[in-house]
PDB file of N, CA and C in Angstrom:
ATOM      1  N   MET A   1      -6.454  12.865 -16.095  1.00  0.00           N
ATOM      2  CA  MET A   1      -7.292  14.326 -15.260  1.00  0.00           C
ATOM      3  C   MET A   1      -6.461  14.274 -14.023  1.00  0.00           C
ATOM      4  N   ALA A   2      -5.760  15.469 -13.442  1.00  0.00           N
ATOM      5  CA  ALA A   2      -5.061  15.727 -12.146  1.00  0.00           C
ATOM      6  C   ALA A   2      -6.105  16.090 -11.182  1.00  0.00           C
ATOM      7  N   ARG A   3      -5.746  15.387 -10.196  1.00  0.00           N
ATOM      8  CA  ARG A   3      -6.591  15.337  -8.947  1.00  0.00           C
ATOM      9  C   ARG A   3      -6.804  16.780  -7.959  1.00  0.00           C
ATOM     10  N   ALA A   4      -7.807  16.929  -7.605  1.00  0.00           N
ATOM     11  CA  ALA A   4      -7.774  18.166  -6.695  1.00  0.00           C
ATOM     12  C   ALA A   4      -6.846  18.182  -5.643  1.00  0.00           C
ATOM     13  N   ALA A   5      -6.550  19.278  -5.329  1.00  0.00           N
ATOM     14  CA  ALA A   5      -5.648  19.407  -3.761  1.00  0.00           C
ATOM     15  C   ALA A   5      -6.720  19.510  -2.775  1.00  0.00           C
ATOM     16  N   THR A   6      -7.272  18.393  -2.418  1.00  0.00           N
ATOM     17  CA  THR A   6      -8.129  18.391  -1.340  1.00  0.00           C
ATOM     18  C   THR A   6      -7.906  17.768  -0.063  1.00  0.00           C
ATOM     19  N   THR A   7      -8.299  18.172   0.978  1.00  0.00           N
ATOM     20  CA  THR A   7      -8.209  17.571   2.363  1.00  0.00           C
ATOM     21  C   THR A   7      -7.936  16.034   2.441  1.00  0.00           C
ATOM     22  N   SER A   8      -9.391  15.779   1.885  1.00  0.00           N
ATOM     23  CA  SER A   8      -9.365  13.922   1.410  1.00  0.00           C
ATOM     24  C   SER A   8      -8.566  13.590   0.624  1.00  0.00           C
ATOM     25  N   ASP A   9      -7.821  14.386  -0.793  1.00  0.00           N
ATOM     26  CA  ASP A   9      -6.951  13.847  -1.477  1.00  0.00           C
ATOM     27  C   ASP A   9      -5.606  13.452  -0.499  1.00  0.00           C
ATOM     28  N   ALA A  10      -4.960  14.113   0.466  1.00  0.00           N
ATOM     29  CA  ALA A  10      -4.004  14.008   1.373  1.00  0.00           C
ATOM     30  C   ALA A  10      -4.406  12.805   2.107  1.00  0.00           C
ATOM     31  N   PHE A  11      -5.445  12.609   2.647  1.00  0.00           N
ATOM     32  CA  PHE A  11      -5.855  11.473   3.366  1.00  0.00           C
ATOM     33  C   PHE A  11      -5.456  10.121   2.417  1.00  0.00           C
ATOM     34  N   ASN A  12      -6.068  10.252   1.099  1.00  0.00           N
ATOM     35  CA  ASN A  12      -5.779   8.975   0.393  1.00  0.00           C
ATOM     36  C   ASN A  12      -4.641   8.808  -0.061  1.00  0.00           C
ATOM     37  N   ALA A  13      -3.837   9.876  -0.217  1.00  0.00           N
ATOM     38  CA  ALA A  13      -2.299   9.691  -0.640  1.00  0.00           C
ATOM     39  C   ALA A  13      -1.682   8.788   0.591  1.00  0.00           C
ATOM     40  N   ILE A  14      -1.974   9.213   1.793  1.00  0.00           N
ATOM     41  CA  ILE A  14      -1.075   8.653   2.870  1.00  0.00           C
ATOM     42  C   ILE A  14      -1.587   7.473   3.216  1.00  0.00           C
ATOM     43  N   ALA A  15      -2.782   7.041   2.767  1.00  0.00           N
ATOM     44  CA  ALA A  15      -3.347   5.893   3.278  1.00  0.00           C
ATOM     45  C   ALA A  15      -2.509   4.602   2.531  1.00  0.00           C
ATOM     46  N   GLU A  16      -1.663   4.907   1.852  1.00  0.00           N
ATOM     47  CA  GLU A  16      -0.732   3.756   1.270  1.00  0.00           C
ATOM     48  C   GLU A  16       0.514   4.022   2.086  1.00  0.00           C
ATOM     49  N   PRO A  17       0.693   2.666   2.589  1.00  0.00           N
ATOM     50  CA  PRO A  17       1.915   2.489   3.282  1.00  0.00           C
ATOM     51  C   PRO A  17       3.471   3.127   2.807  1.00  0.00           C
ATOM     52  N   GLN A  18       3.587   2.786   1.740  1.00  0.00           N
ATOM     53  CA  GLN A  18       4.810   3.264   0.867  1.00  0.00           C
ATOM     54  C   GLN A  18       5.130   4.501   0.749  1.00  0.00           C
ATOM     55  N   ARG A  19       3.638   5.192   0.735  1.00  0.00           N
ATOM     56  CA  ARG A  19       4.000   6.822   0.446  1.00  0.00           C
ATOM     57  C   ARG A  19       4.175   7.342   1.944  1.00  0.00           C
ATOM     58  N   ARG A  20       3.807   6.731   3.083  1.00  0.00           N
ATOM     59  CA  ARG A  20       3.831   7.455   4.559  1.00  0.00           C
ATOM     60  C   ARG A  20       5.649   6.989   4.464  1.00  0.00           C
ATOM     61  N   GLU A  21       5.947   5.910   3.870  1.00  0.00           N
ATOM     62  CA  GLU A  21       7.425   5.763   4.515  1.00  0.00           C
ATOM     63  C   GLU A  21       8.476   6.937   3.388  1.00  0.00           C
ATOM     64  N   ILE A  22       7.929   7.059   2.201  1.00  0.00           N
ATOM     65  CA  ILE A  22       8.621   8.217   1.570  1.00  0.00           C
ATOM     66  C   ILE A  22       8.773   9.659   2.623  1.00  0.00           C
ATOM     67  N   LEU A  23       7.116   9.810   3.151  1.00  0.00           N
ATOM     68  CA  LEU A  23       7.233  11.233   3.945  1.00  0.00           C
ATOM     69  C   LEU A  23       8.168  11.239   4.972  1.00  0.00           C
ATOM     70  N   VAL A  24       8.392   9.837   5.536  1.00  0.00           N
ATOM     71  CA  VAL A  24       9.312   9.767   6.702  1.00  0.00           C
ATOM     72  C   VAL A  24      10.630  10.126   6.157  1.00  0.00           C
ATOM     73  N   LEU A  25      11.091   9.184   5.012  1.00  0.00           N
ATOM     74  CA  LEU A  25      12.428   9.695   4.372  1.00  0.00           C
ATOM     75  C   LEU A  25      12.592  11.238   4.067  1.00  0.00           C
ATOM     76  N   LEU A  26      11.534  11.658   3.716  1.00  0.00           N
ATOM     77  CA  LEU A  26      11.705  13.110   3.554  1.00  0.00           C
ATOM     78  C   LEU A  26      11.997  14.203   4.599  1.00  0.00           C
ATOM     79  N   ARG A  27      11.646  13.635   5.531  1.00  0.00           N
ATOM     80  CA  ARG A  27      11.579  14.455   6.726  1.00  0.00           C
ATOM     81  C   ARG A  27      12.942  15.121   6.856  1.00  0.00           C
ATOM     82  N   GLY A  28      14.022  14.177   6.554  1.00  0.00           N
ATOM     83  CA  GLY A  28      15.435  14.712   6.679  1.00  0.00           C
ATOM     84  C   GLY A  28      15.931  15.489   5.807  1.00  0.00           C
ATOM     85  N   GLY A  29      15.099  16.033   4.905  1.00  0.00           N
ATOM     86  CA  GLY A  29      15.583  16.749   3.453  1.00  0.00           C
ATOM     87  C   GLY A  29      15.324  16.111   2.338  1.00  0.00           C
ATOM     88  N   GLU A  30      15.514  17.300   1.378  1.00  0.00           N
ATOM     89  CA  GLU A  30      15.204  16.787   0.219  1.00  0.00           C
ATOM     90  C   GLU A  30      16.214  15.641  -0.680  1.00  0.00           C
ATOM     91  N   ARG A  31      15.483  14.725  -1.153  1.00  0.00           N
ATOM     92  CA  ARG A  31      16.311  13.802  -1.938  1.00  0.00           C
ATOM     93  C   ARG A  31      16.022  13.065  -3.212  1.00  0.00           C
ATOM     94  N   PRO A  32      17.008  12.866  -3.988  1.00  0.00           N
ATOM     95  CA  PRO A  32      16.602  12.274  -5.326  1.00  0.00           C
ATOM     96  C   PRO A  32      15.781  11.213  -5.550  1.00  0.00           C
ATOM     97  N   VAL A  33      15.111  10.905  -6.399  1.00  0.00           N
ATOM     98  CA  VAL A  33      14.385   9.567  -6.506  1.00  0.00           C
ATOM     99  C   VAL A  33      14.999   8.273  -6.470  1.00  0.00           C
ATOM    100  N   THR A  34      16.322   8.314  -6.770  1.00  0.00           N
ATOM    101  CA  THR A  34      17.146   6.997  -7.058  1.00  0.00           C
ATOM    102  C   THR A  34      17.450   6.544  -5.370  1.00  0.00           C
ATOM    103  N   GLU A  35      17.760   7.751  -4.661  1.00  0.00           N
ATOM    104  CA  GLU A  35      18.036   7.263  -3.147  1.00  0.00           C
ATOM    105  C   GLU A  35      16.725   6.500  -2.419  1.00  0.00           C
ATOM    106  N   LEU A  36      15.777   7.680  -2.983  1.00  0.00           N
ATOM    107  CA  LEU A  36      14.374   6.985  -2.142  1.00  0.00           C
ATOM    108  C   LEU A  36      13.954   5.536  -2.647  1.00  0.00           C
ATOM    109  N   ALA A  37      14.196   5.334  -3.832  1.00  0.00           N
ATOM    110  CA  ALA A  37      14.008   4.112  -4.402  1.00  0.00           C
ATOM    111  C   ALA A  37      14.882   2.895  -3.808  1.00  0.00           C
ATOM    112  N   ARG A  38      16.209   3.212  -3.660  1.00  0.00           N
ATOM    113  CA  ARG A  38      17.051   2.371  -2.957  1.00  0.00           C
ATOM    114  C   ARG A  38      16.632   1.944  -1.851  1.00  0.00           C
ATOM    115  N   ASP A  39      16.133   3.118  -0.838  1.00  0.00           N
ATOM    116  CA  ASP A  39      15.906   3.111   0.620  1.00  0.00           C
ATOM    117  C   ASP A  39      14.604   2.405   0.911  1.00  0.00           C
ATOM    118  N   LEU A  40      13.995   2.400   0.041  1.00  0.00           N
ATOM    119  CA  LEU A  40      12.483   1.729   0.044  1.00  0.00           C
ATOM    120  C   LEU A  40      12.566   0.452  -0.278  1.00  0.00           C
ATOM    121  N   GLY A  41      13.825  -0.003  -1.038  1.00  0.00           N
ATOM    122  CA  GLY A  41      13.585  -1.504  -1.794  1.00  0.00           C
ATOM    123  C   GLY A  41      12.802  -1.627  -3.090  1.00  0.00           C
ATOM    124  N   MET A  42      12.787  -0.742  -3.625  1.00  0.00           N
ATOM    125  CA  MET A  42      11.691  -0.704  -4.933  1.00  0.00           C
ATOM    126  C   MET A  42      12.379  -0.044  -6.058  1.00  0.00           C
ATOM    127  N   SER A  43      11.609  -0.328  -7.036  1.00  0.00           N
ATOM    128  CA  SER A  43      12.099   0.020  -8.217  1.00  0.00           C
ATOM    129  C   SER A  43      12.076   1.953  -8.501  1.00  0.00           C
ATOM    130  N   GLN A  44      12.922   2.261  -9.477  1.00  0.00           N
ATOM    131  CA  GLN A  44      12.570   3.865  -9.572  1.00  0.00           C
ATOM    132  C   GLN A  44      10.976   4.167 -10.054  1.00  0.00           C
ATOM    133  N   PRO A  45      10.857   3.373 -11.019  1.00  0.00           N
ATOM    134  CA  PRO A  45       9.573   3.682 -11.587  1.00  0.00           C
ATOM    135  C   PRO A  45       8.232   3.668 -10.535  1.00  0.00           C
ATOM    136  N   GLN A  46       8.634   2.667  -9.733  1.00  0.00           N
ATOM    137  CA  GLN A  46       7.613   2.572  -8.580  1.00  0.00           C
ATOM    138  C   GLN A  46       7.837   3.606  -7.873  1.00  0.00           C
ATOM    139  N   ALA A  47       8.777   3.764  -7.292  1.00  0.00           N
ATOM    140  CA  ALA A  47       8.987   5.220  -6.461  1.00  0.00           C
ATOM    141  C   ALA A  47       8.421   6.586  -6.926  1.00  0.00           C
ATOM    142  N   SER A  48       8.702   6.773  -8.337  1.00  0.00           N
ATOM    143  CA  SER A  48       8.091   7.904  -9.133  1.00  0.00           C
ATOM    144  C   SER A  48       6.616   8.053  -9.124  1.00  0.00           C
ATOM    145  N   LYS A  49       6.103   6.654  -9.305  1.00  0.00           N
ATOM    146  CA  LYS A  49       4.397   6.694  -9.270  1.00  0.00           C
ATOM    147  C   LYS A  49       3.938   7.280  -8.044  1.00  0.00           C
ATOM    148  N   HIS A  50       4.569   6.619  -6.800  1.00  0.00           N
ATOM    149  CA  HIS A  50       4.180   7.081  -5.327  1.00  0.00           C
ATOM    150  C   HIS A  50       4.371   8.590  -5.180  1.00  0.00           C
ATOM    151  N   LEU A  51       5.715   9.206  -5.721  1.00  0.00           N
ATOM    152  CA  LEU A  51       5.856  10.590  -5.718  1.00  0.00           C
ATOM    153  C   LEU A  51       5.089  11.354  -6.448  1.00  0.00           C
ATOM    154  N   ARG A  52       4.701  10.968  -7.426  1.00  0.00           N
ATOM    155  CA  ARG A  52       3.597  11.540  -8.230  1.00  0.00           C
ATOM    156  C   ARG A  52       2.484  11.986  -7.569  1.00  0.00           C
ATOM    157  N   VAL A  53       2.066  10.915  -6.931  1.00  0.00           N
ATOM    158  CA  VAL A  53       0.624  10.971  -6.193  1.00  0.00           C
ATOM    159  C   VAL A  53       0.815  11.989  -5.037  1.00  0.00           C
ATOM    160  N   LEU A  54       1.815  11.785  -4.211  1.00  0.00           N
ATOM    161  CA  LEU A  54       2.289  12.753  -3.193  1.00  0.00           C
ATOM    162  C   LEU A  54       2.482  14.350  -3.584  1.00  0.00           C
ATOM    163  N   ARG A  55       2.923  14.513  -4.983  1.00  0.00           N
ATOM    164  CA  ARG A  55       3.280  15.741  -5.489  1.00  0.00           C
ATOM    165  C   ARG A  55       1.891  16.301  -5.735  1.00  0.00           C
ATOM    166  N   GLU A  56       0.844  15.444  -6.747  1.00  0.00           N
ATOM    167  CA  GLU A  56      -0.412  16.173  -7.224  1.00  0.00           C
ATOM    168  C   GLU A  56      -1.269  16.410  -5.939  1.00  0.00           C
ATOM    169  N   VAL A  57      -1.088  15.886  -4.664  1.00  0.00           N
ATOM    170  CA  VAL A  57      -1.758  16.516  -3.289  1.00  0.00           C
ATOM    171  C   VAL A  57      -1.028  17.523  -2.684  1.00  0.00           C
ATOM    172  N   GLY A  58       0.105  17.823  -3.292  1.00  0.00           N
ATOM    173  CA  GLY A  58       0.924  18.979  -2.412  1.00  0.00           C
ATOM    174  C   GLY A  58       1.688  18.603  -1.309  1.00  0.00           C
ATOM    175  N   LEU A  59       1.832  17.314  -0.926  1.00  0.00           N
ATOM    176  CA  LEU A  59       2.481  16.776   0.379  1.00  0.00           C
ATOM    177  C   LEU A  59       4.106  16.820  -0.267  1.00  0.00           C
ATOM    178  N   VAL A  60       4.398  16.860  -1.631  1.00  0.00           N
ATOM    179  CA  VAL A  60       5.705  17.003  -1.723  1.00  0.00           C
ATOM    180  C   VAL A  60       5.835  17.825  -3.042  1.00  0.00           C
ATOM    181  N   ARG A  61       7.225  18.747  -2.785  1.00  0.00           N
ATOM    182  CA  ARG A  61       7.391  19.551  -3.843  1.00  0.00           C
ATOM    183  C   ARG A  61       8.813  18.912  -4.644  1.00  0.00           C
ATOM    184  N   VAL A  62       9.244  19.198  -5.896  1.00  0.00           N
ATOM    185  CA  VAL A  62      10.158  18.718  -6.900  1.00  0.00           C
ATOM    186  C   VAL A  62      10.719  19.984  -7.671  1.00  0.00           C
ATOM    187  N   ARG A  63      12.154  19.831  -7.720  1.00  0.00           N
ATOM    188  CA  ARG A  63      12.915  20.963  -8.304  1.00  0.00           C
ATOM    189  C   ARG A  63      13.977  20.196  -9.056  1.00  0.00           C
ATOM    190  N   GLY A  64      14.506  20.701 -10.300  1.00  0.00           N
ATOM    191  CA  GLY A  64      15.400  20.076 -10.846  1.00  0.00           C
ATOM    192  C   GLY A  64      16.935  20.457 -10.272  1.00  0.00           C
ATOM    193  N   ALA A  65      18.121  19.547 -10.348  1.00  0.00           N
ATOM    194  CA  ALA A  65      19.399  20.006 -10.312  1.00  0.00           C
ATOM    195  C   ALA A  65      20.080  19.157 -11.254  1.00  0.00           C
ATOM    196  N   GLY A  66      20.221  19.758 -12.303  1.00  0.00           N
ATOM    197  CA  GLY A  66      21.157  19.068 -13.228  1.00  0.00           C
ATOM    198  C   GLY A  66      20.248  18.086 -13.971  1.00  0.00           C
ATOM    199  N   LYS A  67      20.676  16.732 -13.622  1.00  0.00           N
ATOM    200  CA  LYS A  67      19.919  15.721 -14.101  1.00  0.00           C
ATOM    201  C   LYS A  67      19.002  15.120 -13.101  1.00  0.00           C
ATOM    202  N   GLN A  68      19.169  15.581 -12.058  1.00  0.00           N
ATOM    203  CA  GLN A  68      18.234  15.206 -10.947  1.00  0.00           C
ATOM    204  C   GLN A  68      17.115  15.855 -10.627  1.00  0.00           C
ATOM    205  N   ARG A  69      16.213  15.059 -10.081  1.00  0.00           N
ATOM    206  CA  ARG A  69      14.909  15.700  -9.576  1.00  0.00           C
ATOM    207  C   ARG A  69      14.773  15.481  -8.041  1.00  0.00           C
ATOM    208  N   LEU A  70      14.764  16.589  -7.097  1.00  0.00           N
ATOM    209  CA  LEU A  70      15.010  16.562  -5.671  1.00  0.00           C
ATOM    210  C   LEU A  70      13.719  16.645  -5.450  1.00  0.00           C
ATOM    211  N   TYR A  71      13.358  15.690  -4.597  1.00  0.00           N
ATOM    212  CA  TYR A  71      11.877  15.947  -3.914  1.00  0.00           C
ATOM    213  C   TYR A  71      12.044  16.334  -2.358  1.00  0.00           C
ATOM    214  N   ASP A  72      11.227  17.120  -1.997  1.00  0.00           N
ATOM    215  CA  ASP A  72      11.056  17.415  -0.520  1.00  0.00           C
ATOM    216  C   ASP A  72       9.992  17.392  -0.051  1.00  0.00           C
ATOM    217  N   LEU A  73       9.688  17.331   1.087  1.00  0.00           N
ATOM    218  CA  LEU A  73       8.563  17.514   1.939  1.00  0.00           C
ATOM    219  C   LEU A  73       7.596  18.779   2.088  1.00  0.00           C
ATOM    220  N   ASP A  74       6.642  18.854   1.987  1.00  0.00           N
ATOM    221  CA  ASP A  74       5.792  20.318   2.242  1.00  0.00           C
ATOM    222  C   ASP A  74       5.174  19.851   3.220  1.00  0.00           C
ATOM    223  N   ALA A  75       5.669  20.034   4.532  1.00  0.00           N
ATOM    224  CA  ALA A  75       4.796  19.498   5.868  1.00  0.00           C
ATOM    225  C   ALA A  75       3.477  20.458   6.114  1.00  0.00           C
ATOM    226  N   ARG A  76       3.493  21.584   5.383  1.00  0.00           N
ATOM    227  CA  ARG A  76       2.330  22.466   5.795  1.00  0.00           C
ATOM    228  C   ARG A  76       1.299  21.508   5.260  1.00  0.00           C
ATOM    229  N   ARG A  77       1.262  20.523   4.172  1.00  0.00           N
ATOM    230  CA  ARG A  77       0.150  20.298   3.552  1.00  0.00           C
ATOM    231  C   ARG A  77      -0.373  19.137   4.518  1.00  0.00           C
ATOM    232  N   LEU A  78       0.407  18.676   5.494  1.00  0.00           N
ATOM    233  CA  LEU A  78      -0.299  17.728   6.423  1.00  0.00           C
ATOM    234  C   LEU A  78      -0.828  18.376   7.482  1.00  0.00           C
ATOM    235  N   GLN A  79      -1.188  19.626   7.789  1.00  0.00           N
ATOM    236  CA  GLN A  79      -1.967  20.292   8.642  1.00  0.00           C
ATOM    237  C   GLN A  79      -3.295  19.679   8.778  1.00  0.00           C
ATOM    238  N   PRO A  80      -3.995  19.531   7.853  1.00  0.00           N
ATOM    239  CA  PRO A  80      -5.585  18.826   8.077  1.00  0.00           C
ATOM    240  C   PRO A  80      -5.207  17.623   8.355  1.00  0.00           C
ATOM    241  N   VAL A  81      -4.376  16.822   8.152  1.00  0.00           N
ATOM    242  CA  VAL A  81      -4.206  15.567   8.679  1.00  0.00           C
ATOM    243  C   VAL A  81      -3.969  15.456  10.279  1.00  0.00           C
ATOM    244  N   HIS A  82      -3.111  16.394  10.909  1.00  0.00           N
ATOM    245  CA  HIS A  82      -2.716  16.583  11.928  1.00  0.00           C
ATOM    246  C   HIS A  82      -3.798  17.382  12.793  1.00  0.00           C
ATOM    247  N   GLU A  83      -4.604  17.999  12.252  1.00  0.00           N
ATOM    248  CA  GLU A  83      -5.681  18.780  13.048  1.00  0.00           C
ATOM    249  C   GLU A  83      -6.799  17.513  13.390  1.00  0.00           C
ATOM    250  N   TRP A  84      -7.303  16.862  12.335  1.00  0.00           N
ATOM    251  CA  TRP A  84      -8.210  15.624  12.276  1.00  0.00           C
ATOM    252  C   TRP A  84      -7.633  14.665  13.386  1.00  0.00           C
ATOM    253  N   LEU A  85      -6.520  14.427  13.398  1.00  0.00           N
ATOM    254  CA  LEU A  85      -6.013  13.522  14.571  1.00  0.00           C
ATOM    255  C   LEU A  85      -6.184  14.184  15.920  1.00  0.00           C
ATOM    256  N   GLY A  86      -5.910  15.364  16.099  1.00  0.00           N
ATOM    257  CA  GLY A  86      -6.036  16.095  17.255  1.00  0.00           C
ATOM    258  C   GLY A  86      -7.160  16.119  17.610  1.00  0.00           C
ATOM    259  N   GLY A  87      -8.353  15.955  16.942  1.00  0.00           N
ATOM    260  CA  GLY A  87      -9.769  15.750  17.456  1.00  0.00           C
ATOM    261  C   GLY A  87      -9.915  14.350  18.534  1.00  0.00           C
ATOM    262  N   PHE A  88      -8.658  13.515  18.240  1.00  0.00           N
ATOM    263  CA  PHE A  88      -8.840  12.549  18.919  1.00  0.00           C
ATOM    264  C   PHE A  88      -8.210  12.620  20.242  1.00  0.00           C
ATOM    265  N   GLU A  89      -7.389  13.596  20.652  1.00  0.00           N
ATOM    266  CA  GLU A  89      -6.799  13.788  21.808  1.00  0.00           C
ATOM    267  C   GLU A  89      -7.176  13.416  22.919  1.00  0.00           C
ATOM    268  N   ARG A  90      -8.720  13.705  23.124  1.00  0.00           N
ATOM    269  CA  ARG A  90      -9.097  13.528  24.465  1.00  0.00           C
ATOM    270  C   ARG A  90      -9.152  12.209  24.678  1.00  0.00           C
ATOM    271  N   PHE A  91      -9.517  11.194  23.456  1.00  0.00           N
ATOM    272  CA  PHE A  91      -9.168   9.892  23.622  1.00  0.00           C
ATOM    273  C   PHE A  91      -8.021   9.387  24.370  1.00  0.00           C
ATOM    274  N   TRP A  92      -7.052   9.915  24.101  1.00  0.00           N
ATOM    275  CA  TRP A  92      -5.787   9.468  24.255  1.00  0.00           C
ATOM    276  C   TRP A  92      -5.407   9.978  25.778  1.00  0.00           C
ATOM    277  N   SER A  93      -5.486  11.394  25.766  1.00  0.00           N
ATOM    278  CA  SER A  93      -5.510  11.547  27.261  1.00  0.00           C
ATOM    279  C   SER A  93      -6.154  10.855  28.414  1.00  0.00           C
ATOM    280  N   GLY A  94      -7.378  10.721  27.957  1.00  0.00           N
ATOM    281  CA  GLY A  94      -8.301   9.986  28.839  1.00  0.00           C
ATOM    282  C   GLY A  94      -7.935   8.556  29.158  1.00  0.00           C
ATOM    283  N   SER A  95      -7.312   7.918  28.294  1.00  0.00           N
ATOM    284  CA  SER A  95      -6.398   6.404  28.460  1.00  0.00           C
ATOM    285  C   SER A  95      -5.443   6.399  29.257  1.00  0.00           C
ATOM    286  N   PHE A  96      -4.818   7.502  29.128  1.00  0.00           N
ATOM    287  CA  PHE A  96      -3.501   7.828  29.861  1.00  0.00           C
ATOM    288  C   PHE A  96      -4.114   7.898  31.281  1.00  0.00           C
ATOM    289  N   ASP A  97      -4.918   8.770  31.478  1.00  0.00           N
ATOM    290  CA  ASP A  97      -5.438   9.359  32.887  1.00  0.00           C
ATOM    291  C   ASP A  97      -5.895   7.911  33.583  1.00  0.00           C
ATOM    292  N   ARG A  98      -6.527   7.108  32.631  1.00  0.00           N
ATOM    293  CA  ARG A  98      -6.697   5.683  33.502  1.00  0.00           C
ATOM    294  C   ARG A  98      -5.780   5.044  33.861  1.00  0.00           C
ATOM    295  N   LEU A  99      -4.979   4.601  33.032  1.00  0.00           N
ATOM    296  CA  LEU A  99      -3.723   3.997  33.099  1.00  0.00           C
ATOM    297  C   LEU A  99      -2.980   4.664  34.394  1.00  0.00           C
ATOM    298  N   ASP A 100      -2.949   5.820  34.447  1.00  0.00           N
ATOM    299  CA  ASP A 100      -1.942   6.422  35.547  1.00  0.00           C
ATOM    300  C   ASP A 100      -2.969   6.351  36.875  1.00  0.00           C
ATOM    301  N   GLU A 101      -3.986   6.103  37.150  1.00  0.00           N
ATOM    302  CA  GLU A 101      -5.021   5.889  38.109  1.00  0.00           C
ATOM    303  C   GLU A 101      -4.809   4.464  38.498  1.00  0.00           C
ATOM    304  N   TYR A 102      -4.584   3.464  37.293  1.00  0.00           N
ATOM    305  CA  TYR A 102      -4.511   1.652  37.822  1.00  0.00           C
ATOM    306  C   TYR A 102      -3.073   1.896  38.422  1.00  0.00           C
ATOM    307  N   VAL A 103      -2.066   2.386  37.842  1.00  0.00           N
ATOM    308  CA  VAL A 103      -0.801   2.412  38.100  1.00  0.00           C
ATOM    309  C   VAL A 103      -0.556   2.835  39.828  1.00  0.00           C
ATOM    310  N   GLN A 104      -1.268   3.818  40.122  1.00  0.00           N
ATOM    311  CA  GLN A 104      -1.225   4.354  41.510  1.00  0.00           C
ATOM    312  C   GLN A 104      -2.036   3.922  42.309  1.00  0.00           C
ATOM    313  N   ASP A 105      -3.463   2.776  41.967  1.00  0.00           N
ATOM    314  CA  ASP A 105      -3.991   1.924  42.722  1.00  0.00           C
ATOM    315  C   ASP A 105      -3.192   0.670  42.942  1.00  0.00           C
ATOM    316  N   LEU A 106      -2.421   0.213  42.001  1.00  0.00           N
ATOM    317  CA  LEU A 106      -1.930  -1.110  42.190  1.00  0.00           C
ATOM    318  C   LEU A 106      -0.599  -0.392  43.164  1.00  0.00           C
ATOM    319  N   THR A 107       0.191   0.253  42.911  1.00  0.00           N
ATOM    320  CA  THR A 107       1.257   0.860  43.794  1.00  0.00           C
ATOM    321  C   THR A 107       0.735   0.842  45.409  1.00  0.00           C
ATOM    322  N   ARG A 108      -0.352   1.442  45.658  1.00  0.00           N
ATOM    323  CA  ARG A 108      -0.887   1.476  46.902  1.00  0.00           C
ATOM    324  C   ARG A 108      -1.136   0.269  47.742  1.00  0.00           C
ATOM    325  N   ALA A 109      -1.881  -0.423  46.744  1.00  0.00           N
ATOM    326  CA  ALA A 109      -2.231  -1.706  47.100  1.00  0.00           C
ATOM    327  C   ALA A 109      -0.893  -2.840  47.647  1.00  0.00           C
ATOM    328  N   ARG A 110       0.375  -2.501  46.838  1.00  0.00           N
ATOM    329  CA  ARG A 110       1.562  -3.363  47.159  1.00  0.00           C
ATOM    330  C   ARG A 110       2.044  -2.653  48.402  1.00  0.00           C
ATOM    331  N   ARG A 111       2.051  -1.710  48.821  1.00  0.00           N
ATOM    332  CA  ARG A 111       2.385  -0.802  50.068  1.00  0.00           C
ATOM    333  C   ARG A 111       1.612  -1.390  51.115  1.00  0.00           C
ATOM    334  N   GLU A 112       0.515  -1.685  50.932  1.00  0.00           N
ATOM    335  CA  GLU A 112      -0.278  -1.984  52.116  1.00  0.00           C
ATOM    336  C   GLU A 112      -0.525  -3.753  52.345  1.00  0.00           C
ATOM    337  N   GLU A 113       0.176  -4.487  51.007  1.00  0.00           N
ATOM    338  CA  GLU A 113       0.321  -5.866  51.268  1.00  0.00           C
ATOM    339  C   GLU A 113       1.786  -6.204  52.635  1.00  0.00           C
ATOM    340  N   PRO A 114       1.057  -7.232  53.630  1.00  0.00           N
ATOM    341  CA  PRO A 114       1.918  -7.847  54.580  1.00  0.00           C
ATOM    342  C   PRO A 114       3.087  -8.290  53.789  1.00  0.00           C
ATOM    343  N   PRO A 115       4.405  -8.186  54.011  1.00  0.00           N
ATOM    344  CA  PRO A 115       5.276  -9.119  53.920  1.00  0.00           C
ATOM    345  C   PRO A 115       5.230 -10.302  54.006  1.00  0.00           C
ATOM    346  N   ASP A 116       5.968 -11.085  52.832  1.00  0.00           N
ATOM    347  CA  ASP A 116       6.029 -12.623  53.093  1.00  0.00           C
ATOM    348  C   ASP A 116       5.974 -13.232  53.963  1.00  0.00           C
ATOM    349  N   GLY A 117       5.161 -14.461  54.239  1.00  0.00           N
ATOM    350  CA  GLY A 117       4.966 -15.149  55.396  1.00  0.00           C
ATOM    351  C   GLY A 117       4.516 -14.493  56.363  1.00  0.00           C
ATOM    352  N   ASP A 118       3.949 -13.458  56.387  1.00  0.00           N
ATOM    353  CA  ASP A 118       3.403 -12.469  57.570  1.00  0.00           C
ATOM    354  C   ASP A 118       1.859 -12.453  57.182  1.00  0.00           C
ATOM    355  N   ASP A 119       1.089 -13.575  57.643  1.00  0.00           N
ATOM    356  CA  ASP A 119      -0.455 -13.671  57.173  1.00  0.00           C
ATOM    357  C   ASP A 119      -1.392 -12.951  58.337  1.00  0.00           C
ATOM    358  N   GLN A 120      -0.830 -12.106  59.536  1.00  0.00           N
ATOM    359  CA  GLN A 120      -1.364 -11.626  60.463  1.00  0.00           C
ATOM    360  C   GLN A 120      -2.966 -12.031  60.471  1.00  0.00           C
TER     361      GLN A 120
END
């Protein structure tokens, strides 16, 4: 039974590290499964299994080219994942703001320190 293409399926599909590696490799353009398998250090059936899951949730498209099947990334399907992660933006920017304040405080403190040997 085919899996429904839902947002949660995209999350489930990319939860597997090797599938994320496949998506990274496909950022450069379409590639045959043989190249993907070689670059990932896995057998072609293993790569095909991961590609099937990615295709079922719409993250990867496939087209025939002679005897080869070329896989391509459909990055639009990553939009729900991107939007979900964007919800954490304020936590990241808050962390960077606190780090920036810390560095500024540290820089100010070093400027105010007397030179070595000057204990006044």
